[in-house]
N, C-alpha and C. Protein backbone atom coordinates (compact mmCIF):
# COMPACT_ATOMS: atom_id res chain seq x y z
N MET A 1 87.58 33.22 27.97
CA MET A 1 86.56 31.82 29.35
C MET A 1 86.77 30.87 28.30
N LYS A 2 87.07 29.75 29.11
CA LYS A 2 86.44 28.50 27.61
C LYS A 2 85.92 28.14 28.35
N LYS A 3 84.40 27.15 27.88
CA LYS A 3 83.38 25.98 28.43
C LYS A 3 83.48 24.73 27.77
N SER A 4 83.40 23.85 28.41
CA SER A 4 83.36 22.56 28.09
C SER A 4 82.17 21.77 28.10
N THR A 5 81.61 21.66 26.24
CA THR A 5 81.22 21.08 25.56
C THR A 5 81.32 19.43 25.34
N SER A 6 80.32 18.57 25.18
CA SER A 6 80.39 17.28 24.64
C SER A 6 80.24 17.20 23.49
N CYS A 7 81.15 16.49 22.12
CA CYS A 7 81.21 16.17 20.62
C CYS A 7 80.09 15.64 20.79
N PRO A 8 78.99 16.37 19.82
CA PRO A 8 78.03 15.24 19.40
C PRO A 8 77.99 13.74 19.04
N ARG A 9 79.51 13.47 17.92
CA ARG A 9 79.91 12.27 17.41
C ARG A 9 80.03 11.74 18.24
N CYS A 10 80.54 12.11 19.13
CA CYS A 10 81.90 10.80 19.91
C CYS A 10 81.66 10.84 21.81
N GLY A 11 81.22 11.86 21.65
CA GLY A 11 80.64 12.28 23.62
C GLY A 11 81.80 12.88 24.18
N ALA A 12 83.04 12.94 23.51
CA ALA A 12 83.80 13.67 24.06
C ALA A 12 84.09 15.52 24.63
N VAL A 13 85.06 15.37 25.83
CA VAL A 13 84.52 16.70 26.52
C VAL A 13 85.49 17.66 25.42
N VAL A 14 84.76 18.52 24.79
CA VAL A 14 85.70 19.90 23.98
C VAL A 14 85.63 21.12 24.31
N GLU A 15 87.03 21.73 24.76
CA GLU A 15 87.09 23.19 25.65
C GLU A 15 87.12 24.07 24.68
N GLU A 16 86.32 24.74 24.62
CA GLU A 16 86.06 26.52 23.44
C GLU A 16 86.35 27.83 24.32
N TRP A 17 86.19 28.66 23.30
CA TRP A 17 86.53 29.49 23.91
C TRP A 17 85.07 30.28 23.13
N VAL A 18 85.15 31.09 25.02
CA VAL A 18 83.48 31.60 24.43
C VAL A 18 84.11 33.43 24.82
N ASN A 19 83.30 34.48 23.39
CA ASN A 19 84.47 35.36 23.55
C ASN A 19 83.43 36.13 23.48
N PRO A 20 83.00 37.66 24.43
CA PRO A 20 81.75 38.51 23.82
C PRO A 20 81.43 38.54 22.46
N LYS A 21 80.13 38.96 21.85
CA LYS A 21 79.96 39.08 20.03
C LYS A 21 79.97 40.70 20.20
N LEU A 22 80.12 41.01 19.18
CA LEU A 22 80.56 42.34 18.60
C LEU A 22 79.08 43.09 18.05
N THR A 23 78.65 44.01 18.19
CA THR A 23 77.75 44.52 17.77
C THR A 23 78.03 46.29 17.34
N VAL A 24 76.70 46.85 16.81
CA VAL A 24 77.04 47.84 16.26
C VAL A 24 75.42 48.73 16.69
N ASP A 25 75.70 49.88 17.55
CA ASP A 25 74.28 50.92 17.25
C ASP A 25 74.75 52.16 16.86
N ILE A 26 73.42 52.43 16.39
CA ILE A 26 73.75 53.44 15.93
C ILE A 26 72.18 54.45 16.15
N ILE A 27 73.31 56.11 16.16
CA ILE A 27 72.11 56.95 16.94
C ILE A 27 72.24 57.89 15.69
N ILE A 28 70.50 57.93 14.75
CA ILE A 28 70.78 58.28 13.68
C ILE A 28 69.95 59.65 13.60
N GLU A 29 70.91 60.70 13.63
CA GLU A 29 70.03 62.24 13.95
C GLU A 29 69.10 62.21 12.47
N VAL A 30 67.80 63.12 12.80
CA VAL A 30 66.62 63.01 11.42
C VAL A 30 66.32 64.37 12.18
N ASN A 31 66.38 66.24 11.69
CA ASN A 31 66.10 66.95 11.88
C ASN A 31 65.62 67.36 13.49
N LYS A 32 67.37 66.81 14.02
CA LYS A 32 67.03 67.43 15.72
C LYS A 32 66.61 66.28 16.49
N ARG A 33 65.89 65.15 15.47
CA ARG A 33 65.59 64.25 16.51
C ARG A 33 66.35 63.16 16.14
N ILE A 34 65.74 62.13 17.37
CA ILE A 34 66.95 60.76 17.24
C ILE A 34 65.77 59.74 16.71
N VAL A 35 66.57 59.01 16.15
CA VAL A 35 65.07 57.76 15.53
C VAL A 35 65.75 56.50 17.02
N LEU A 36 64.35 55.88 17.07
CA LEU A 36 63.85 54.99 17.79
C LEU A 36 63.11 54.03 17.35
N ILE A 37 63.92 52.99 17.71
CA ILE A 37 62.86 51.37 16.88
C ILE A 37 62.27 50.17 18.28
N GLU A 38 61.31 49.91 18.14
CA GLU A 38 60.87 49.07 19.62
C GLU A 38 60.62 47.40 18.80
N ARG A 39 61.61 47.09 19.69
CA ARG A 39 62.05 45.66 18.63
C ARG A 39 60.93 44.82 19.00
N ALA A 40 61.03 43.86 17.78
CA ALA A 40 60.24 42.76 17.35
C ALA A 40 60.43 41.33 18.14
N GLU A 41 61.93 41.91 17.84
CA GLU A 41 62.16 40.07 18.09
C GLU A 41 63.04 40.37 20.08
N GLU A 42 62.40 39.22 20.95
CA GLU A 42 62.85 38.88 22.60
C GLU A 42 64.31 39.78 22.68
N PRO A 43 64.58 40.52 22.77
CA PRO A 43 63.71 40.59 24.46
C PRO A 43 62.90 42.44 23.39
N HIS A 44 61.72 42.91 23.75
CA HIS A 44 61.46 43.41 23.47
C HIS A 44 61.18 44.97 23.76
N GLY A 45 61.54 45.90 23.54
CA GLY A 45 61.22 47.38 23.99
C GLY A 45 61.90 48.09 23.13
N TRP A 46 61.69 49.67 23.25
CA TRP A 46 61.86 50.91 22.42
C TRP A 46 64.09 50.92 22.51
N ALA A 47 64.02 50.82 21.11
CA ALA A 47 66.28 51.01 21.52
C ALA A 47 66.79 51.50 20.40
N LEU A 48 68.07 51.77 20.70
CA LEU A 48 68.40 52.27 19.30
C LEU A 48 68.62 51.08 18.22
N PRO A 49 68.99 51.95 16.81
CA PRO A 49 68.69 50.86 15.85
C PRO A 49 70.20 50.11 16.17
N GLY A 50 70.27 49.04 15.47
CA GLY A 50 71.55 48.58 15.18
C GLY A 50 71.70 46.61 16.05
N GLY A 51 72.80 46.03 15.27
CA GLY A 51 72.85 44.63 15.57
C GLY A 51 74.39 44.44 15.45
N PHE A 52 74.14 42.87 15.09
CA PHE A 52 75.29 41.71 15.59
C PHE A 52 76.22 42.66 13.50
N VAL A 53 78.11 42.57 14.24
CA VAL A 53 79.05 42.50 12.80
C VAL A 53 78.49 41.18 12.23
N ASP A 54 78.37 41.36 11.04
CA ASP A 54 78.69 39.49 10.50
C ASP A 54 80.16 39.45 10.67
N TYR A 55 80.26 38.61 10.11
CA TYR A 55 81.78 37.84 9.81
C TYR A 55 82.30 39.19 8.80
N GLY A 56 83.66 38.76 8.56
CA GLY A 56 84.12 39.86 6.99
C GLY A 56 83.31 41.37 6.58
N GLU A 57 82.84 41.75 7.90
CA GLU A 57 82.12 42.75 7.48
C GLU A 57 82.84 43.93 8.36
N SER A 58 82.99 44.92 8.56
CA SER A 58 83.89 46.49 9.01
C SER A 58 82.63 46.58 9.78
N LEU A 59 83.30 47.19 10.96
CA LEU A 59 82.17 48.10 11.47
C LEU A 59 81.27 49.21 10.90
N GLU A 60 81.91 49.96 10.30
CA GLU A 60 80.70 51.40 9.42
C GLU A 60 80.49 50.43 8.29
N ALA A 61 79.92 49.33 7.67
CA ALA A 61 79.51 48.68 6.99
C ALA A 61 78.66 48.01 7.70
N ALA A 62 78.61 47.38 8.84
CA ALA A 62 77.59 46.65 9.61
C ALA A 62 76.52 48.33 10.24
N ALA A 63 77.41 48.91 10.45
CA ALA A 63 76.35 50.06 11.11
C ALA A 63 75.23 51.19 10.19
N ILE A 64 75.89 50.88 8.44
CA ILE A 64 75.04 52.04 7.49
C ILE A 64 74.16 50.54 7.12
N ARG A 65 74.33 49.08 7.31
CA ARG A 65 73.28 47.90 7.51
C ARG A 65 72.11 47.62 8.25
N GLU A 66 72.82 47.84 9.09
CA GLU A 66 71.63 46.95 10.46
C GLU A 66 70.74 48.78 10.23
N ALA A 67 71.43 50.08 10.25
CA ALA A 67 70.45 50.93 9.55
C ALA A 67 69.67 51.08 9.11
N LYS A 68 69.36 50.79 7.64
CA LYS A 68 69.30 50.14 6.55
C LYS A 68 67.44 49.59 6.60
N GLU A 69 68.27 48.25 7.69
CA GLU A 69 67.25 47.25 7.71
C GLU A 69 66.80 47.73 8.48
N GLU A 70 66.83 48.40 9.71
CA GLU A 70 65.62 47.98 10.34
C GLU A 70 65.06 49.67 9.91
N THR A 71 65.68 51.07 10.15
CA THR A 71 64.92 51.93 9.70
C THR A 71 64.16 52.27 8.81
N GLY A 72 64.93 51.59 7.36
CA GLY A 72 64.79 52.16 5.99
C GLY A 72 65.68 53.36 5.52
N LEU A 73 66.18 53.94 6.71
CA LEU A 73 67.18 55.40 6.65
C LEU A 73 68.66 54.66 5.71
N ASP A 74 69.10 55.70 4.23
CA ASP A 74 69.72 55.62 4.08
C ASP A 74 70.93 56.50 4.80
N VAL A 75 72.08 56.44 6.05
CA VAL A 75 72.79 56.55 7.06
C VAL A 75 74.00 57.46 6.64
N THR A 76 74.55 58.11 6.73
CA THR A 76 75.90 59.07 6.32
C THR A 76 76.51 59.12 8.00
N LEU A 77 77.36 58.78 8.29
CA LEU A 77 78.03 58.00 9.36
C LEU A 77 79.21 59.39 9.48
N VAL A 78 78.90 60.12 10.81
CA VAL A 78 79.34 61.12 11.12
C VAL A 78 80.92 60.53 12.56
N ARG A 79 80.69 59.93 12.94
CA ARG A 79 82.11 59.39 14.25
C ARG A 79 80.85 58.29 14.56
N GLN A 80 81.83 57.90 15.10
CA GLN A 80 82.08 56.67 16.49
C GLN A 80 82.46 57.59 17.47
N LEU A 81 81.00 57.54 18.68
CA LEU A 81 81.28 57.92 19.38
C LEU A 81 81.24 57.41 21.11
N GLY A 82 81.61 55.78 21.04
CA GLY A 82 82.72 54.76 22.27
C GLY A 82 82.35 53.60 22.00
N ALA A 83 82.62 52.84 22.15
CA ALA A 83 82.02 51.29 22.61
C ALA A 83 81.78 50.69 24.56
N TYR A 84 80.93 50.23 24.03
CA TYR A 84 80.58 49.96 25.30
C TYR A 84 80.30 48.50 25.56
N SER A 85 81.23 48.18 26.75
CA SER A 85 80.82 46.38 26.97
C SER A 85 80.94 46.42 28.10
N ASP A 86 79.87 46.54 29.01
CA ASP A 86 79.20 46.23 30.16
C ASP A 86 78.96 44.58 30.48
N PRO A 87 79.50 44.01 30.54
CA PRO A 87 79.01 42.45 30.08
C PRO A 87 77.36 41.70 30.57
N ALA A 88 76.66 43.05 31.36
CA ALA A 88 75.14 43.21 31.75
C ALA A 88 74.86 44.20 30.75
N ARG A 89 75.38 44.19 30.05
CA ARG A 89 74.53 45.44 29.07
C ARG A 89 72.77 45.08 28.44
N ASP A 90 73.38 43.68 27.90
CA ASP A 90 72.34 42.65 27.66
C ASP A 90 71.86 41.41 27.52
N PRO A 91 70.70 41.67 28.55
CA PRO A 91 70.49 39.91 29.04
C PRO A 91 70.71 38.89 28.22
N ARG A 92 70.92 38.93 27.05
CA ARG A 92 70.89 37.55 26.87
C ARG A 92 72.22 36.84 26.26
N GLN A 93 73.52 38.00 26.44
CA GLN A 93 74.67 37.33 26.52
C GLN A 93 75.66 38.91 26.59
N HIS A 94 76.55 38.61 26.23
CA HIS A 94 77.85 39.32 26.65
C HIS A 94 77.81 39.87 25.55
N ASN A 95 78.11 41.26 24.60
CA ASN A 95 78.00 41.71 23.79
C ASN A 95 78.26 43.17 24.22
N VAL A 96 79.51 43.43 23.16
CA VAL A 96 79.91 44.85 23.26
C VAL A 96 79.83 45.70 21.97
N SER A 97 79.73 47.14 21.92
CA SER A 97 78.84 47.66 20.98
C SER A 97 79.74 49.06 20.73
N VAL A 98 79.97 49.11 19.57
CA VAL A 98 80.59 50.27 19.17
C VAL A 98 79.63 51.20 18.57
N VAL A 99 79.27 52.40 19.29
CA VAL A 99 78.34 53.06 18.55
C VAL A 99 78.54 54.09 17.72
N PHE A 100 77.24 54.41 17.26
CA PHE A 100 78.07 54.97 15.87
C PHE A 100 76.71 56.93 15.67
N ILE A 101 77.04 57.57 15.88
CA ILE A 101 76.16 58.97 15.01
C ILE A 101 76.59 58.98 13.73
N ALA A 102 74.98 59.18 13.27
CA ALA A 102 75.42 59.80 12.09
C ALA A 102 73.77 60.10 11.21
N THR A 103 73.77 61.00 9.84
CA THR A 103 72.56 61.35 9.88
C THR A 103 71.81 60.71 8.64
N ALA A 104 70.98 61.14 8.57
CA ALA A 104 69.56 60.84 7.67
C ALA A 104 68.18 61.90 7.10
N VAL A 105 68.17 61.38 6.28
CA VAL A 105 66.75 62.36 5.57
C VAL A 105 65.74 61.70 5.37
N GLY A 106 64.39 62.34 6.13
CA GLY A 106 63.54 60.73 5.60
C GLY A 106 63.00 60.54 6.80
N ALA A 107 61.55 59.42 6.63
CA ALA A 107 61.11 59.15 8.46
C ALA A 107 61.75 57.78 7.97
N PRO A 108 61.72 57.18 9.05
CA PRO A 108 61.96 56.31 9.47
C PRO A 108 60.40 55.17 9.83
N TYR A 109 60.71 53.73 9.07
CA TYR A 109 59.54 53.17 9.24
C TYR A 109 60.30 51.87 9.53
N ALA A 110 59.51 51.12 10.39
CA ALA A 110 60.66 49.70 10.50
C ALA A 110 60.32 48.47 10.08
N GLY A 111 61.52 48.44 10.11
CA GLY A 111 62.13 47.53 8.99
C GLY A 111 62.20 46.19 9.67
N SER A 112 63.13 44.95 8.97
CA SER A 112 63.33 43.79 10.27
C SER A 112 63.93 44.07 11.59
N ASP A 113 63.24 43.28 12.46
CA ASP A 113 63.66 43.06 13.82
C ASP A 113 62.95 44.21 14.04
N ALA A 114 62.39 45.21 13.52
CA ALA A 114 61.75 46.41 14.17
C ALA A 114 59.97 46.30 14.66
N ARG A 115 59.34 46.64 15.39
CA ARG A 115 57.58 46.67 14.73
C ARG A 115 57.56 47.97 15.43
N HIS A 116 58.24 49.03 14.90
CA HIS A 116 57.95 50.12 15.10
C HIS A 116 59.54 51.39 15.24
N ALA A 117 58.74 52.64 14.70
CA ALA A 117 60.14 53.23 14.09
C ALA A 117 59.86 54.70 14.92
N GLY A 118 60.70 55.68 15.17
CA GLY A 118 59.73 56.93 15.30
C GLY A 118 61.07 57.60 15.22
N LEU A 119 60.29 58.55 15.94
CA LEU A 119 61.87 60.52 16.08
C LEU A 119 61.59 60.80 16.72
N TYR A 120 62.16 61.01 17.72
CA TYR A 120 61.98 61.40 18.76
C TYR A 120 63.11 62.76 19.49
N LYS A 121 62.23 63.40 20.77
CA LYS A 121 63.80 64.89 21.06
C LYS A 121 63.74 64.11 22.55
N GLN A 122 65.00 64.90 23.02
CA GLN A 122 65.99 64.98 24.39
C GLN A 122 64.51 65.28 25.42
N GLY A 123 64.41 64.12 26.26
CA GLY A 123 63.19 64.26 27.45
C GLY A 123 62.02 63.92 26.89
N ASP A 124 61.90 63.28 25.69
CA ASP A 124 60.44 63.00 25.14
C ASP A 124 60.87 61.29 24.74
N MET A 125 61.62 60.78 24.92
CA MET A 125 61.79 59.37 25.02
C MET A 125 60.51 58.03 25.84
N PRO A 126 60.58 57.54 24.59
CA PRO A 126 60.28 56.21 25.83
C PRO A 126 61.45 55.46 27.18
N PRO A 127 61.21 54.52 27.60
CA PRO A 127 61.84 54.16 28.50
C PRO A 127 62.54 52.88 27.58
N LEU A 128 64.61 53.22 27.25
CA LEU A 128 65.37 52.56 26.42
C LEU A 128 65.25 51.09 27.45
N MET A 129 65.78 50.08 26.29
CA MET A 129 66.62 48.66 26.63
C MET A 129 68.09 48.74 26.86
N PHE A 130 68.93 47.64 27.34
CA PHE A 130 70.39 47.60 27.38
C PHE A 130 70.26 48.68 27.96
N ASP A 131 71.33 49.55 27.35
CA ASP A 131 72.26 50.51 28.67
C ASP A 131 72.19 51.98 27.40
N HIS A 132 71.02 51.62 26.27
CA HIS A 132 70.84 52.86 25.67
C HIS A 132 70.41 54.37 26.34
N GLU A 133 69.84 54.34 27.32
CA GLU A 133 69.69 55.62 27.92
C GLU A 133 70.98 56.15 28.49
N LYS A 134 72.11 55.47 29.06
CA LYS A 134 73.51 55.92 29.07
C LYS A 134 73.84 56.36 27.76
N VAL A 135 74.35 55.85 26.86
CA VAL A 135 74.16 55.68 24.87
C VAL A 135 74.04 57.09 24.86
N LEU A 136 73.01 57.39 25.22
CA LEU A 136 72.07 58.25 24.72
C LEU A 136 72.73 59.71 25.82
N GLY A 137 72.73 59.15 26.69
CA GLY A 137 73.43 60.44 27.59
C GLY A 137 74.74 60.97 27.36
N ASP A 138 75.26 59.90 27.26
CA ASP A 138 77.25 60.31 26.39
C ASP A 138 76.43 61.47 25.00
N TYR A 139 75.94 60.66 24.41
CA TYR A 139 75.55 61.42 23.16
C TYR A 139 75.37 62.85 23.55
N PHE A 140 74.32 62.89 24.48
CA PHE A 140 74.24 64.65 24.22
C PHE A 140 75.21 65.15 24.83
N ASP A 141 75.69 64.46 26.17
CA ASP A 141 77.00 65.03 26.98
C ASP A 141 78.12 65.21 25.38
N TYR A 142 78.19 64.50 25.04
CA TYR A 142 79.24 65.29 23.61
C TYR A 142 78.75 65.90 22.71
N MET A 143 77.48 66.68 22.78
CA MET A 143 77.17 67.52 21.98
C MET A 143 76.78 68.85 22.23
N ASP A 144 76.69 69.02 23.72
CA ASP A 144 76.95 69.92 24.70
C ASP A 144 78.23 70.62 24.16
N SER A 145 79.31 69.48 24.87
CA SER A 145 80.39 69.81 25.09
C SER A 145 81.43 70.65 23.63
N SER A 146 80.71 70.29 22.66
CA SER A 146 81.17 70.68 21.11
C SER A 146 80.33 70.92 20.42
N GLY A 147 79.38 71.82 20.87
CA GLY A 147 79.06 72.96 20.61
C GLY A 147 77.56 73.36 19.51
């Protein structure tokens, strides 16, 4: 999609491409529980750890970095669960997220962008933001089908 903006110097109309932003989310397994964070930044609420992929960074490196920054955990990536691209999945803008499954050892703590971090079992989770209930539903379905 193109959008028109005005040049701040000369006022000429300039067209620019507007594309979805690329993000990662991480389902971190610790002792058969899932790490969730309560976001410190808008929009507030409980979510999977994750964030934006930096320019020049691989998806895997972004997932490992975001997990460490938000939970303090060193994770081992197990696999990609999938990509989630519904334009309405994030109220701020159109973000596409690649979701990873990872494992870790230890207790999470709230790092950057997190107010709280905790471990939760299926059926005992707080209401989740974005499309993370769908993501975790897909994760639990995958785990049930893979034995």
